[in-house]
Amino acid sequence: MGKTAKLFFGFFLLLVVFLTYLEATEPEPVNWTPSYMSDDKIPLGSLVFYESWENTNKWEMEEISIPPFEKLADSLGNGTYFFLNNSVAFDQDELDRLLDWVNKGNELFISARGISPALMDTLHLETKVFIPKNDLSSKPELNFKNSSLKRETGFKFKNEFPPLFFQQKDSAAIQVLGQINIQGDDKNKQPNFISSDFGEGKIYLHTTPEAFGNYFLLTQQNHEYAEKILAYINNEKPVFLDNYYKAGKSFYSSPLYILLSDNRLKWAYYFLLVGSVLFIIFEGKRKQRAIPVVNPLKNQSYEYAKTVGDLYLEEKEYPELISKKINLFLEYIRMNYKISTKNIDEEFYTLLAAKSGNSIALGKKLFEKMERYSNHENAGKSEFFELAEAINNFKSHSNGKSGK
């Protein structure tokens, strides 16, 4: 390396060190990610709300970390199912099971900016964005409709975000419990908190989950807003707190999470990477040895399986082929969907339908065919190919939902 190249390299290294120092000493920006996790301290986390709620000791609470579809399949008791997140979107099967549970005298509470379209259609509702009329400010203000809960000045946000409100379609039978408006525009108030009777139960919908965030609740006396909303929730029955539909994560998403979450460790890691690259550039060519080419062993699994299959076909051992086809399919279910095949009952068919995307009826039909052909000692070529086609069709119509 010449003198000029060394000077250039030294200047470049000093520049990298200087820029790294500036980046490492810069204060971290505020994290406005809408988490709503019960242990998250960021502005849109909900540590303050959940801790304050639990400290009241008026409600019996249970945290649920599995999908509502699975929880309701386990015969969920009576109470209130509480959802708080930036978005809560149920699929049709899950919504049907949830509404059936509400219809039996239970309560459903959802606070989210994005509420399941199927649920909104069921209640003949839609959400719209509040558009400021006078200026560019979009700081929302919340209040209640009930005179005993309503506050004269309203509950105000310090930060700006596009507020949402409910609009009725057709003849929606709802009761307006709370309203929202842009600060300074008191005449234009729209419903953001409503309730609707559903069978013997009740559904509560709320479009402003930011009101349950740490930043809002720790501003002035805004904690009273959450307290007054909780007054609508029955405290004589348990409250089931959803932890499945959450934007935040309560687990590390990567092995590098701890390393990169600390500035000093993060930049030490970056220096190690840069040093490794520089070492490869300047030292790799000089010391690298020729790497011999080693051809990998040829995979003969397919040829072996084909040979065995042809042997069975040639010998016309169709009952044996049917038995092996069924065993392979059962192993496929255990490996891909994480479902035990020991007991083939209604619970098995329900889980298989939920995780494979096929209907319960299709699963029952396939297993009936498998049982019929497995007991058919004189099964022939047509029965084997018919069963193979049915299994392949079941796999091809799977929506990719596997147990994880």
Foldseek 3Di string as FASTA:
>chain_A
DDPVVVVVVVVVVVVVVVVLVVVLPDDDDQDPPQFCDCPDPGQNHQVVPVVVVVVVVLAAEAEDADQQVVVVVVPDDAFEEAEFAQEDADDPVSVVSVLVNQLVAHEYEYEHQHYHPVVCVVQQKDKDWDDDDPDDAAWKFKAFPDPVGGDPQTQTDPDHDTFMAMDGHDDGPKAATMWMDGPPCVVDIGGQWIKDRRNNGIYIYGNCSSLSGPNRVPPDNSVSVSVVVCVPGDSVHHYYYYPHPTPHDPDDPDPCRVQCVRSVSNVVVVVVVVVVVVCCVPPVVVPPDDDDDDDDDDDCVVVVVVVVVVVCVVVFVLLVLLVVVVVVLQVVCCVWAVQDPPDPDPVSLSSCCVQFVHHSVLVVVLVVLSVVSNPDNPDGDVSSVVNVVSSVVSNVNGPRRHDD
